[in-house]
């Protein structure tokens, strides 16, 4: 598996989510807006990393299955 690719995608997704969520939460003047934006971004990045991991796993399993045939 390409762990570097998975980590890079998760990092970019975190950054994108943070940059979108932070101004949105700050505009409605919520306490702890930065923390909420960071947690929201981390959750998005985690989902992105999980998705990429599962796609890579499916590719590996498909290649292994084709090699057996």
C-alpha atoms as a PDB file:
ATOM      1  CA  UNK A   1       0.000   0.000   0.000  1.00  0.00           C
ATOM      2  CA  UNK A   2       1.063   3.523  -0.689  1.00  0.00           C
ATOM      3  CA  UNK A   3       1.031   4.917   2.858  1.00  0.00           C
ATOM      4  CA  UNK A   4       2.597   8.185   1.754  1.00  0.00           C
ATOM      5  CA  UNK A   5      -0.293   8.769  -0.656  1.00  0.00           C
ATOM      6  CA  UNK A   6      -2.863   7.980   2.037  1.00  0.00           C
ATOM      7  CA  UNK A   7      -1.190  10.337   4.541  1.00  0.00           C
ATOM      8  CA  UNK A   8      -0.833  13.097   1.951  1.00  0.00           C
ATOM      9  CA  UNK A   9      -4.491  12.888   0.954  1.00  0.00           C
ATOM     10  CA  UNK A  10      -5.585  12.932   4.597  1.00  0.00           C
ATOM     11  CA  UNK A  11      -3.383  15.955   5.334  1.00  0.00           C
ATOM     12  CA  UNK A  12      -4.748  17.919   2.388  1.00  0.00           C
ATOM     13  CA  UNK A  13      -8.313  16.987   3.310  1.00  0.00           C
ATOM     14  CA  UNK A  14      -7.666  18.160   6.889  1.00  0.00           C
ATOM     15  CA  UNK A  15      -6.307  21.466   5.646  1.00  0.00           C
ATOM     16  CA  UNK A  16      -9.194  21.991   3.233  1.00  0.00           C
ATOM     17  CA  UNK A  17     -11.800  21.140   5.861  1.00  0.00           C
ATOM     18  CA  UNK A  18     -10.124  23.392   8.430  1.00  0.00           C
ATOM     19  CA  UNK A  19      -9.907  26.340   6.070  1.00  0.00           C
ATOM     20  CA  UNK A  20     -13.601  26.006   5.228  1.00  0.00           C
ATOM     21  CA  UNK A  21     -14.892  25.260   8.736  1.00  0.00           C
ATOM     22  CA  UNK A  22     -12.905  27.831  10.710  1.00  0.00           C
ATOM     23  CA  UNK A  23     -14.315  30.974   9.101  1.00  0.00           C
ATOM     24  CA  UNK A  24     -17.810  29.472   9.056  1.00  0.00           C
ATOM     25  CA  UNK A  25     -17.788  28.757  12.792  1.00  0.00           C
ATOM     26  CA  UNK A  26     -16.140  32.063  13.649  1.00  0.00           C
ATOM     27  CA  UNK A  27     -18.766  34.028  11.741  1.00  0.00           C
ATOM     28  CA  UNK A  28     -21.501  32.785  14.075  1.00  0.00           C
ATOM     29  CA  UNK A  29     -19.346  33.588  17.130  1.00  0.00           C
ATOM     30  CA  UNK A  30     -19.296  30.175  18.762  1.00  0.00           C
ATOM     31  CA  UNK A  31     -17.041  29.465  21.731  1.00  0.00           C
ATOM     32  CA  UNK A  32     -14.130  27.208  20.832  1.00  0.00           C
ATOM     33  CA  UNK A  33     -14.713  27.737  17.118  1.00  0.00           C
ATOM     34  CA  UNK A  34     -11.114  26.935  16.244  1.00  0.00           C
ATOM     35  CA  UNK A  35     -11.226  23.653  18.171  1.00  0.00           C
ATOM     36  CA  UNK A  36     -14.521  22.675  16.589  1.00  0.00           C
ATOM     37  CA  UNK A  37     -13.133  23.444  13.147  1.00  0.00           C
ATOM     38  CA  UNK A  38     -10.001  21.418  13.878  1.00  0.00           C
ATOM     39  CA  UNK A  39     -12.024  18.446  15.143  1.00  0.00           C
ATOM     40  CA  UNK A  40     -14.351  18.650  12.162  1.00  0.00           C
ATOM     41  CA  UNK A  41     -11.351  18.727   9.837  1.00  0.00           C
ATOM     42  CA  UNK A  42      -9.743  15.779  11.595  1.00  0.00           C
ATOM     43  CA  UNK A  43     -12.950  13.776  11.208  1.00  0.00           C
ATOM     44  CA  UNK A  44     -13.117  14.596   7.505  1.00  0.00           C
ATOM     45  CA  UNK A  45      -9.458  13.667   7.067  1.00  0.00           C
ATOM     46  CA  UNK A  46     -10.030  10.384   8.915  1.00  0.00           C
ATOM     47  CA  UNK A  47     -12.903   9.474   6.621  1.00  0.00           C
ATOM     48  CA  UNK A  48     -10.776  10.394   3.610  1.00  0.00           C
ATOM     49  CA  UNK A  49      -7.870   8.263   4.857  1.00  0.00           C
ATOM     50  CA  UNK A  50     -10.196   5.335   5.533  1.00  0.00           C
ATOM     51  CA  UNK A  51     -11.698   5.601   2.055  1.00  0.00           C
ATOM     52  CA  UNK A  52      -8.280   5.723   0.404  1.00  0.00           C
ATOM     53  CA  UNK A  53      -7.065   2.802   2.548  1.00  0.00           C
ATOM     54  CA  UNK A  54     -10.076   0.698   1.556  1.00  0.00           C
ATOM     55  CA  UNK A  55      -9.626   1.525  -2.136  1.00  0.00           C
ATOM     56  CA  UNK A  56      -5.962   0.517  -1.954  1.00  0.00           C
ATOM     57  CA  UNK A  57      -6.911  -2.705  -0.148  1.00  0.00           C
ATOM     58  CA  UNK A  58      -9.463  -3.569  -2.833  1.00  0.00           C
ATOM     59  CA  UNK A  59      -6.804  -2.998  -5.514  1.00  0.00           C
ATOM     60  CA  UNK A  60      -4.353  -5.296  -3.726  1.00  0.00           C
ATOM     61  CA  UNK A  61      -6.970  -8.003  -3.236  1.00  0.00           C
ATOM     62  CA  UNK A  62      -8.053  -7.742  -6.878  1.00  0.00           C
ATOM     63  CA  UNK A  63      -4.465  -8.126  -8.094  1.00  0.00           C
ATOM     64  CA  UNK A  64      -3.940 -11.118  -5.789  1.00  0.00           C
ATOM     65  CA  UNK A  65      -7.178 -12.704  -7.014  1.00  0.00           C
ATOM     66  CA  UNK A  66      -6.210 -12.213 -10.651  1.00  0.00           C
ATOM     67  CA  UNK A  67      -2.758 -13.666 -10.000  1.00  0.00           C
ATOM     68  CA  UNK A  68      -4.331 -16.873  -8.672  1.00  0.00           C
ATOM     69  CA  UNK A  69      -6.360 -17.293 -11.856  1.00  0.00           C
END
